[in-house]
Amino acid sequence: MGKQPRLSRGVALVAAGMSDFGVWPGKDSKDLFLEAFADLRDSADGELDPGEIQAAYIGNFTNDVFVGQSHWGAILADALGIVPAPVTRTEGACASSGIAFREACFAIASGFYDVVLVGGVEDMSKRSTAEVAEGLALAATPDERRAGLTFPGVFGAIASAYFDRYGASREHLAAVTIKSHLNAADNPRAQLGRSIREMMDSKARRARQQGRTVPEWKDEREFLGDDVVNPVVAEPLHLFDCCPISDGAACLLLVAEERASQFNALPLFVAGIGQGSGRGLQAAEELTSFEATRAAAAEAYAMAGVNASDIQLAEVHDCFSIAEILHLEDLGFFAAGQGAAASLEGRTQRDGEIPVNTSGGLKCKGHPVGATGAAQIVELWLQLRQQAGARQVGGNDLRLGLAHNLGGTGGTSTVTILERRD
């Protein structure tokens, strides 16, 4: 057994915010980040002076490729007005801002800083779908790239392996998709903020107005089974199994625990953090589990002194519907092979035993890759503080929430556990 993981000084989350996620042709990364920072300032008690920020860690993956601009740490330091405070850009593919959060925790726990900004940003929509696919493929392993695998191809292969091993089907994927859209419909920041039922009704209404044959889907599952409206992308994954191309940013303010009350009367506390690495598909021991997630979860649970059964809600990295199912198992919420059935049975819904992706998840909230990890923590901030509005998880006893951020084809994973103590 290794040394028990712990932080040598407590770390508190005292403010959090994000921009709207979507496709924003008239906004660049600086605009998006400043929107998220303004939202963060609104969440703090009293006026937050940017001059109090001693350092920042910003997650970003592909702005070099997508917008032709690197060195975002210095650019954002200037935009925020915190020069000459050091700003470090972190890169871990889609886990970039999950890593930024973890590094900021270490910076505070070491005693070097007391007030640190964490953020993430990505500006993806200025490129074509093909160019975005090519840019994201930079996170795949060399062997995966030589094989011509895109990310839908990777997760399509994973879904096929899971179906074969555990007898799951597209019906189980549909359950994840339907839940995600229901949650996103109550999230004003979400990119795809409509339920499947709303989309069905909209398409039927449009057909009626145009004098075309009105489709008659009996329910959401039949709609998702219609290959005309939900075409195949990479078998067995279809369009509605995939997250969209997104622009957006998210920000978090971390401080030394003893200073938390100076910024917010209801802070959250970092109970556990973990990070792990994994091998590519060509070397993985199995395709239906991510070793990086299992390692990160074990580290975070050990630091927090809790088990998976103690977690009351979770934001997990559902870049594809099958990914959510695998993460449910790797994080320990359900045994291997049982995540699909649990999803179909409604056990991960907002009123279920473990509410998952109440924000709508990457699938519907959106996935500006560098911002995703920080945005997941924004959702925990809102839920644990009873500020999530129409999508608020019921009950007043929410204490522990978990955020899980995955990078690449499983090569990097971070897990963060936040605690409300009052």
Protein backbone atom coordinates (compact mmCIF):
# COMPACT_ATOMS: atom_id res chain seq x y z
CA MET A 1 0.00 0.00 0.00
CA GLY A 2 1.24 3.48 -0.86
CA LYS A 3 1.09 6.55 1.31
CA GLN A 4 -2.42 7.81 2.07
CA PRO A 5 -3.07 10.70 -0.34
CA ARG A 6 -3.91 14.00 1.31
CA LEU A 7 -3.57 17.74 0.93
CA SER A 8 -1.32 19.38 3.50
CA ARG A 9 -3.66 22.37 3.64
CA GLY A 10 -7.38 22.53 3.02
CA VAL A 11 -8.68 24.00 -0.25
CA ALA A 12 -12.08 25.67 -0.70
CA LEU A 13 -14.10 26.54 -3.79
CA VAL A 14 -15.62 29.98 -3.21
CA ALA A 15 -16.93 31.08 -6.63
CA ALA A 16 -17.79 29.45 -9.95
CA GLY A 17 -19.17 30.52 -13.30
CA MET A 18 -19.42 29.68 -16.96
CA SER A 19 -20.39 31.17 -20.28
CA ASP A 20 -23.27 29.90 -22.34
CA PHE A 21 -22.11 26.85 -24.29
CA GLY A 22 -22.89 26.78 -28.01
CA VAL A 23 -21.71 27.96 -31.39
CA TRP A 24 -20.68 31.61 -31.21
CA PRO A 25 -19.32 32.95 -34.53
CA GLY A 26 -18.90 36.46 -33.13
CA LYS A 27 -17.00 35.52 -29.97
CA ASP A 28 -13.42 34.41 -29.44
CA SER A 29 -11.80 32.62 -26.51
CA LYS A 30 -11.11 35.86 -24.68
CA ASP A 31 -14.77 36.91 -24.94
CA LEU A 32 -15.97 33.54 -23.69
CA PHE A 33 -13.53 33.46 -20.80
CA LEU A 34 -14.45 36.96 -19.68
CA GLU A 35 -18.14 35.96 -19.73
CA ALA A 36 -17.37 32.99 -17.50
CA PHE A 37 -15.29 35.16 -15.19
CA ALA A 38 -18.11 37.71 -14.90
CA ASP A 39 -20.47 34.87 -13.93
CA LEU A 40 -17.91 33.70 -11.35
CA ARG A 41 -17.72 37.19 -9.83
CA ASP A 42 -21.50 37.25 -9.50
CA SER A 43 -21.39 34.01 -7.50
CA ALA A 44 -19.03 35.38 -4.83
CA ASP A 45 -20.22 37.30 -1.80
CA GLY A 46 -19.39 40.97 -2.27
CA GLU A 47 -17.10 42.44 -4.89
CA LEU A 48 -14.28 40.19 -6.06
CA ASP A 49 -11.14 42.12 -6.92
CA PRO A 50 -9.15 40.40 -9.71
CA GLY A 51 -6.05 41.83 -8.07
CA GLU A 52 -6.49 39.29 -5.25
CA ILE A 53 -5.78 36.43 -7.67
CA GLN A 54 -2.20 35.29 -7.13
CA ALA A 55 -2.01 32.70 -9.91
CA ALA A 56 -4.17 30.95 -12.48
CA TYR A 57 -4.28 27.57 -14.22
CA ILE A 58 -6.18 27.47 -17.52
CA GLY A 59 -7.10 24.31 -19.41
CA ASN A 60 -7.04 24.43 -23.21
CA PHE A 61 -6.44 21.70 -25.75
CA THR A 62 -6.57 22.84 -29.37
CA ASN A 63 -6.83 26.60 -29.76
CA ASP A 64 -3.43 26.38 -31.49
CA VAL A 65 -5.13 24.37 -34.23
CA PHE A 66 -8.69 25.70 -34.17
CA VAL A 67 -8.00 29.44 -33.93
CA GLY A 68 -4.30 29.65 -34.77
CA GLN A 69 -3.28 31.18 -31.48
CA SER A 70 -1.16 29.72 -28.67
CA HIS A 71 0.10 31.13 -25.36
CA TRP A 72 -3.34 31.63 -23.86
CA GLY A 73 -2.05 32.02 -20.32
CA ALA A 74 -0.52 35.41 -21.03
CA ILE A 75 -3.43 36.51 -23.23
CA LEU A 76 -5.99 35.76 -20.53
CA ALA A 77 -3.85 37.27 -17.76
CA ASP A 78 -3.94 40.53 -19.68
CA ALA A 79 -7.68 40.26 -20.42
CA LEU A 80 -8.47 39.59 -16.75
CA GLY A 81 -6.25 42.40 -15.52
CA ILE A 82 -4.15 40.15 -13.29
CA VAL A 83 -0.73 40.79 -14.86
CA PRO A 84 1.93 40.04 -13.57
CA ALA A 85 0.37 37.05 -11.74
CA PRO A 86 1.59 33.79 -13.30
CA VAL A 87 -0.88 31.95 -15.51
CA THR A 88 -0.16 28.36 -16.58
CA ARG A 89 -1.91 26.62 -19.46
CA THR A 90 -2.57 22.91 -18.86
CA GLU A 91 -3.18 20.38 -21.62
CA GLY A 92 -4.65 16.94 -21.14
CA ALA A 93 -6.92 16.70 -24.18
CA CYS A 94 -10.54 16.84 -22.99
CA ALA A 95 -9.32 16.62 -19.37
CA SER A 96 -7.33 19.85 -19.63
CA SER A 97 -9.25 21.86 -17.04
CA GLY A 98 -9.70 18.86 -14.75
CA ILE A 99 -5.91 18.83 -14.58
CA ALA A 100 -5.86 22.62 -14.08
CA PHE A 101 -8.09 22.19 -11.03
CA ARG A 102 -5.86 19.52 -9.54
CA GLU A 103 -2.69 21.58 -10.07
CA ALA A 104 -4.32 24.60 -8.46
CA CYS A 105 -5.21 22.49 -5.42
CA PHE A 106 -1.56 21.50 -5.06
CA ALA A 107 -0.43 25.11 -5.43
CA ILE A 108 -2.65 26.17 -2.53
CA ALA A 109 -2.00 23.10 -0.40
CA SER A 110 1.74 23.72 -0.68
CA GLY A 111 1.27 27.11 0.94
CA PHE A 112 2.72 28.95 -2.04
CA TYR A 113 -0.57 30.67 -2.96
CA ASP A 114 -3.80 31.46 -1.12
CA VAL A 115 -6.05 32.57 -4.00
CA VAL A 116 -5.93 30.79 -7.38
CA LEU A 117 -8.16 31.01 -10.44
CA VAL A 118 -8.93 27.84 -12.41
CA GLY A 119 -10.50 27.88 -15.82
CA GLY A 120 -10.90 26.28 -19.18
CA VAL A 121 -11.80 27.51 -22.65
CA GLU A 122 -12.16 26.17 -26.18
CA ASP A 123 -13.24 27.85 -29.40
CA MET A 124 -14.10 25.03 -31.81
CA SER A 125 -16.84 26.16 -34.16
CA LYS A 126 -14.72 28.31 -36.48
CA ARG A 127 -13.56 25.14 -38.23
CA SER A 128 -15.45 22.58 -40.30
CA THR A 129 -16.59 19.30 -38.79
CA ALA A 130 -13.80 17.50 -40.64
CA GLU A 131 -11.20 19.95 -39.33
CA VAL A 132 -12.51 19.59 -35.77
CA ALA A 133 -12.36 15.79 -36.07
CA GLU A 134 -8.78 16.05 -37.29
CA GLY A 135 -7.84 18.40 -34.45
CA LEU A 136 -9.40 16.22 -31.76
CA ALA A 137 -7.65 13.18 -33.23
CA LEU A 138 -4.40 14.70 -32.00
CA ALA A 139 -5.38 13.24 -28.62
CA ALA A 140 -5.42 9.70 -29.96
CA THR A 141 -2.37 7.46 -29.75
CA PRO A 142 -0.10 7.11 -32.81
CA ASP A 143 -1.34 3.55 -33.38
CA GLU A 144 -4.98 4.68 -33.21
CA ARG A 145 -4.28 7.47 -35.69
CA ARG A 146 -2.45 5.15 -38.08
CA ALA A 147 -5.48 2.89 -38.00
CA GLY A 148 -7.62 5.85 -39.10
CA LEU A 149 -9.78 5.89 -35.99
CA THR A 150 -11.79 9.01 -35.25
CA PHE A 151 -13.28 9.54 -31.81
CA PRO A 152 -16.73 8.30 -32.93
CA GLY A 153 -14.92 5.29 -34.37
CA VAL A 154 -13.11 4.63 -31.09
CA PHE A 155 -16.26 4.84 -29.01
CA GLY A 156 -18.23 2.91 -31.60
CA ALA A 157 -15.73 0.07 -31.19
CA ILE A 158 -16.02 0.37 -27.42
CA ALA A 159 -19.82 0.25 -27.63
CA SER A 160 -19.70 -2.83 -29.86
CA ALA A 161 -17.39 -4.56 -27.38
CA TYR A 162 -19.70 -3.66 -24.49
CA PHE A 163 -22.78 -4.88 -26.36
CA ASP A 164 -21.06 -8.17 -27.16
CA ARG A 165 -19.76 -8.71 -23.65
CA TYR A 166 -22.82 -7.70 -21.63
CA GLY A 167 -25.77 -8.05 -23.99
CA ALA A 168 -26.62 -4.35 -24.07
CA SER A 169 -28.26 -2.64 -27.04
CA ARG A 170 -29.09 0.73 -28.51
CA GLU A 171 -32.11 0.81 -26.19
CA HIS A 172 -29.73 1.35 -23.29
CA LEU A 173 -27.92 4.14 -25.13
CA ALA A 174 -31.28 5.78 -25.82
CA ALA A 175 -32.02 5.87 -22.10
CA VAL A 176 -28.85 7.89 -21.53
CA THR A 177 -29.67 10.27 -24.37
CA ILE A 178 -33.26 10.87 -23.26
CA LYS A 179 -32.13 11.63 -19.70
CA SER A 180 -29.42 14.00 -20.87
CA HIS A 181 -31.83 16.01 -22.99
CA LEU A 182 -34.39 16.19 -20.17
CA ASN A 183 -31.76 17.61 -17.83
CA ALA A 184 -30.40 20.04 -20.43
CA ALA A 185 -33.89 21.39 -21.06
CA ASP A 186 -33.69 22.88 -17.55
CA ASN A 187 -30.19 24.29 -18.01
CA PRO A 188 -30.16 27.81 -19.51
CA ARG A 189 -26.43 27.47 -20.31
CA ALA A 190 -26.84 24.25 -22.32
CA GLN A 191 -26.15 24.12 -26.03
CA LEU A 192 -28.83 21.51 -26.77
CA GLY A 193 -31.46 22.69 -24.31
CA ARG A 194 -34.48 20.74 -25.59
CA SER A 195 -35.89 17.39 -24.59
CA ILE A 196 -36.29 14.62 -27.15
CA ARG A 197 -40.06 15.02 -26.82
CA GLU A 198 -39.77 18.73 -27.67
CA MET A 199 -37.73 17.90 -30.76
CA MET A 200 -40.25 15.26 -31.83
CA ASP A 201 -43.10 17.73 -31.50
CA SER A 202 -41.16 20.41 -33.36
CA LYS A 203 -40.42 18.14 -36.32
CA ALA A 204 -44.05 16.98 -36.49
CA ARG A 205 -45.28 20.58 -36.34
CA ARG A 206 -42.90 21.66 -39.13
CA ALA A 207 -44.01 18.77 -41.34
CA ARG A 208 -47.64 19.74 -40.80
CA GLN A 209 -46.96 23.38 -41.67
CA GLN A 210 -45.16 22.37 -44.87
CA GLY A 211 -47.89 19.96 -45.96
CA ARG A 212 -45.67 16.90 -45.66
CA THR A 213 -46.54 13.56 -44.10
CA VAL A 214 -46.52 14.01 -40.35
CA PRO A 215 -44.26 11.45 -38.67
CA GLU A 216 -45.93 9.43 -35.94
CA TRP A 217 -43.31 8.29 -33.44
CA LYS A 218 -45.03 6.68 -30.49
CA ASP A 219 -42.31 7.69 -28.03
CA GLU A 220 -38.76 9.00 -27.67
CA ARG A 221 -37.18 5.60 -28.21
CA GLU A 222 -38.96 5.15 -31.53
CA PHE A 223 -37.81 8.62 -32.56
CA LEU A 224 -34.18 7.74 -31.74
CA GLY A 225 -34.61 4.49 -33.67
CA ASP A 226 -35.52 6.41 -36.85
CA ASP A 227 -32.37 6.43 -38.99
CA VAL A 228 -33.63 9.41 -40.97
CA VAL A 229 -33.64 11.79 -37.99
CA ASN A 230 -30.94 9.91 -36.07
CA PRO A 231 -28.48 8.62 -38.69
CA VAL A 232 -25.60 6.30 -37.95
CA VAL A 233 -22.23 7.90 -37.22
CA ALA A 234 -20.10 4.91 -36.23
CA GLU A 235 -22.02 1.73 -35.50
CA PRO A 236 -23.68 1.29 -33.11
CA LEU A 237 -23.49 5.03 -32.33
CA HIS A 238 -25.90 7.41 -34.01
CA LEU A 239 -26.08 11.19 -34.17
CA PHE A 240 -27.92 11.58 -30.87
CA ASP A 241 -25.30 9.48 -29.11
CA CYS A 242 -22.64 12.12 -29.80
CA CYS A 243 -21.79 15.43 -28.15
CA PRO A 244 -21.81 18.57 -30.32
CA ILE A 245 -19.01 20.86 -31.46
CA SER A 246 -18.97 23.66 -28.89
CA ASP A 247 -17.52 27.01 -27.87
CA GLY A 248 -17.41 27.98 -24.20
CA ALA A 249 -15.50 28.69 -21.02
CA ALA A 250 -15.77 28.03 -17.29
CA CYS A 251 -14.05 29.52 -14.22
CA LEU A 252 -13.52 28.50 -10.59
CA LEU A 253 -11.94 30.35 -7.68
CA LEU A 254 -9.99 28.27 -5.16
CA VAL A 255 -8.63 29.63 -1.88
CA ALA A 256 -6.92 28.35 1.22
CA GLU A 257 -9.55 26.85 3.52
CA GLU A 258 -8.91 29.33 6.31
CA ARG A 259 -9.72 32.21 3.98
CA ALA A 260 -12.93 30.80 2.51
CA SER A 261 -15.30 32.92 4.62
CA GLN A 262 -13.73 36.10 3.21
CA PHE A 263 -15.16 35.23 -0.21
CA ASN A 264 -18.33 33.24 0.39
CA ALA A 265 -20.60 32.32 3.28
CA LEU A 266 -21.30 28.93 1.70
CA PRO A 267 -18.06 27.57 0.24
CA LEU A 268 -17.45 24.03 -0.90
CA PHE A 269 -14.38 22.08 0.11
CA VAL A 270 -12.10 19.82 -1.89
CA ALA A 271 -12.49 16.42 -0.26
CA GLY A 272 -10.58 14.36 -2.81
CA ILE A 273 -8.73 14.64 -6.11
CA GLY A 274 -7.28 11.94 -8.30
CA GLN A 275 -5.62 11.53 -11.66
CA GLY A 276 -4.66 8.48 -13.66
CA SER A 277 -3.22 7.51 -17.03
CA GLY A 278 -4.21 4.76 -19.42
CA ARG A 279 -2.97 2.95 -22.48
CA GLY A 280 -4.39 3.25 -25.99
CA LEU A 281 -6.87 0.80 -27.43
CA GLN A 282 -4.09 -1.20 -29.06
CA ALA A 283 -2.59 -1.97 -25.62
CA ALA A 284 -5.64 -1.89 -23.35
CA GLU A 285 -6.39 -5.05 -21.43
CA GLU A 286 -10.09 -4.60 -22.22
CA LEU A 287 -12.22 -2.18 -24.22
CA THR A 288 -15.10 -1.88 -21.78
CA SER A 289 -13.29 -0.08 -18.95
CA PHE A 290 -10.87 2.85 -18.58
CA GLU A 291 -7.92 2.08 -16.32
CA ALA A 292 -7.16 5.80 -15.93
CA THR A 293 -10.61 6.40 -14.44
CA ARG A 294 -10.33 3.50 -12.04
CA ALA A 295 -6.98 4.81 -10.80
CA ALA A 296 -8.16 8.41 -10.48
CA ALA A 297 -11.31 7.35 -8.64
CA ALA A 298 -9.38 5.16 -6.21
CA GLU A 299 -7.05 8.06 -5.37
CA ALA A 300 -9.91 10.54 -4.93
CA TYR A 301 -11.99 8.18 -2.78
CA ALA A 302 -8.99 7.40 -0.58
CA MET A 303 -8.21 11.07 -0.06
CA ALA A 304 -11.83 11.86 0.78
CA GLY A 305 -12.23 8.80 2.98
CA VAL A 306 -15.41 7.77 1.17
CA ASN A 307 -16.72 5.08 -1.14
CA ALA A 308 -18.69 5.33 -4.35
CA SER A 309 -21.87 4.66 -2.39
CA ASP A 310 -21.34 7.90 -0.44
CA ILE A 311 -21.46 10.09 -3.58
CA GLN A 312 -24.85 11.79 -3.99
CA LEU A 313 -24.54 13.14 -7.53
CA ALA A 314 -21.99 13.04 -10.32
CA GLU A 315 -20.99 14.77 -13.51
CA VAL A 316 -19.23 12.26 -15.75
CA HIS A 317 -17.52 12.58 -19.12
CA ASP A 318 -20.27 11.48 -21.51
CA CYS A 319 -18.69 12.52 -24.82
CA PHE A 320 -20.76 9.64 -26.21
CA SER A 321 -23.72 7.88 -24.61
CA ILE A 322 -21.76 4.64 -24.18
CA ALA A 323 -19.06 6.56 -22.29
CA GLU A 324 -21.49 7.46 -19.50
CA ILE A 325 -22.37 3.82 -19.04
CA LEU A 326 -18.72 2.77 -18.76
CA HIS A 327 -17.94 5.59 -16.33
CA LEU A 328 -20.80 4.53 -14.04
CA GLU A 329 -19.01 1.21 -13.66
CA ASP A 330 -15.42 2.44 -13.47
CA LEU A 331 -16.38 4.96 -10.77
CA GLY A 332 -17.94 2.16 -8.73
CA PHE A 333 -21.58 3.26 -8.85
CA PHE A 334 -22.56 -0.03 -10.48
CA ALA A 335 -20.79 -3.33 -11.08
CA ALA A 336 -19.22 -4.12 -14.44
CA GLY A 337 -21.93 -4.79 -17.00
CA GLN A 338 -24.70 -3.24 -14.90
CA GLY A 339 -24.39 0.41 -15.94
CA ALA A 340 -26.57 -0.10 -19.02
CA ALA A 341 -29.42 -1.70 -17.09
CA ALA A 342 -29.17 0.94 -14.36
CA SER A 343 -29.54 3.66 -16.99
CA LEU A 344 -32.54 1.95 -18.57
CA GLU A 345 -34.17 1.53 -15.16
CA GLY A 346 -33.88 5.26 -14.41
CA ARG A 347 -31.44 4.88 -11.53
CA THR A 348 -29.27 7.73 -12.82
CA GLN A 349 -32.10 10.18 -13.40
CA ARG A 350 -32.44 13.35 -11.38
CA ASP A 351 -34.74 11.58 -8.89
CA GLY A 352 -32.79 8.30 -9.01
CA GLU A 353 -30.36 6.78 -6.55
CA ILE A 354 -27.33 8.49 -8.12
CA PRO A 355 -28.25 11.51 -10.28
CA VAL A 356 -25.77 11.71 -13.16
CA ASN A 357 -25.13 14.67 -15.47
CA THR A 358 -27.88 16.91 -14.16
CA SER A 359 -26.36 19.66 -16.32
CA GLY A 360 -27.19 17.71 -19.46
CA GLY A 361 -23.63 16.45 -19.61
CA LEU A 362 -21.24 16.88 -22.49
CA LYS A 363 -23.89 15.29 -24.69
CA CYS A 364 -26.31 18.21 -24.32
CA LYS A 365 -24.71 20.96 -22.23
CA GLY A 366 -21.94 20.95 -24.82
CA HIS A 367 -18.29 20.00 -24.91
CA PRO A 368 -15.83 22.84 -25.52
CA VAL A 369 -13.11 20.41 -24.63
CA GLY A 370 -10.75 22.59 -22.59
CA ALA A 371 -13.65 23.99 -20.56
CA THR A 372 -15.45 20.74 -19.79
CA GLY A 373 -13.72 19.73 -16.56
CA ALA A 374 -14.22 23.14 -15.00
CA ALA A 375 -17.84 23.28 -16.20
CA GLN A 376 -18.57 19.94 -14.52
CA ILE A 377 -17.42 21.45 -11.24
CA VAL A 378 -19.61 24.50 -11.84
CA GLU A 379 -22.59 22.13 -11.88
CA LEU A 380 -21.52 20.58 -8.57
CA TRP A 381 -21.19 24.10 -7.15
CA LEU A 382 -24.78 24.90 -8.10
CA GLN A 383 -26.26 21.57 -7.00
CA LEU A 384 -24.51 21.29 -3.63
CA ARG A 385 -25.45 24.88 -2.81
CA GLN A 386 -29.10 24.31 -3.85
CA GLN A 387 -28.86 26.85 -6.67
CA ALA A 388 -29.53 24.70 -9.74
CA GLY A 389 -33.06 25.96 -10.32
CA ALA A 390 -35.44 23.69 -12.19
CA ARG A 391 -32.88 20.89 -12.43
CA GLN A 392 -32.04 20.92 -8.71
CA VAL A 393 -31.69 17.47 -7.22
CA GLY A 394 -34.28 17.04 -4.48
CA GLY A 395 -33.60 17.05 -0.77
CA ASN A 396 -31.61 19.41 1.39
CA ASP A 397 -28.97 16.93 2.49
CA LEU A 398 -26.64 17.03 -0.53
CA ARG A 399 -23.10 16.90 0.79
CA LEU A 400 -20.86 15.06 -1.66
CA GLY A 401 -20.59 15.49 -5.42
CA LEU A 402 -18.12 14.00 -7.91
CA ALA A 403 -16.81 15.29 -11.24
CA HIS A 404 -15.08 12.94 -13.69
CA ASN A 405 -13.12 14.30 -16.67
CA LEU A 406 -11.61 12.03 -19.37
CA GLY A 407 -8.94 12.97 -21.90
CA GLY A 408 -8.27 11.39 -25.27
CA THR A 409 -9.29 7.79 -25.82
CA GLY A 410 -8.92 7.20 -22.09
CA GLY A 411 -5.29 8.23 -21.72
CA THR A 412 -5.98 10.74 -18.93
CA SER A 413 -8.65 10.90 -16.26
CA THR A 414 -9.28 13.18 -13.30
CA VAL A 415 -11.79 12.74 -10.49
CA THR A 416 -12.74 15.53 -8.08
CA ILE A 417 -14.90 15.17 -4.98
CA LEU A 418 -16.42 18.29 -3.44
CA GLU A 419 -18.03 18.53 -0.04
CA ARG A 420 -20.55 20.89 1.52
CA ARG A 421 -19.99 21.02 5.28
CA ASP A 422 -22.56 23.36 6.84
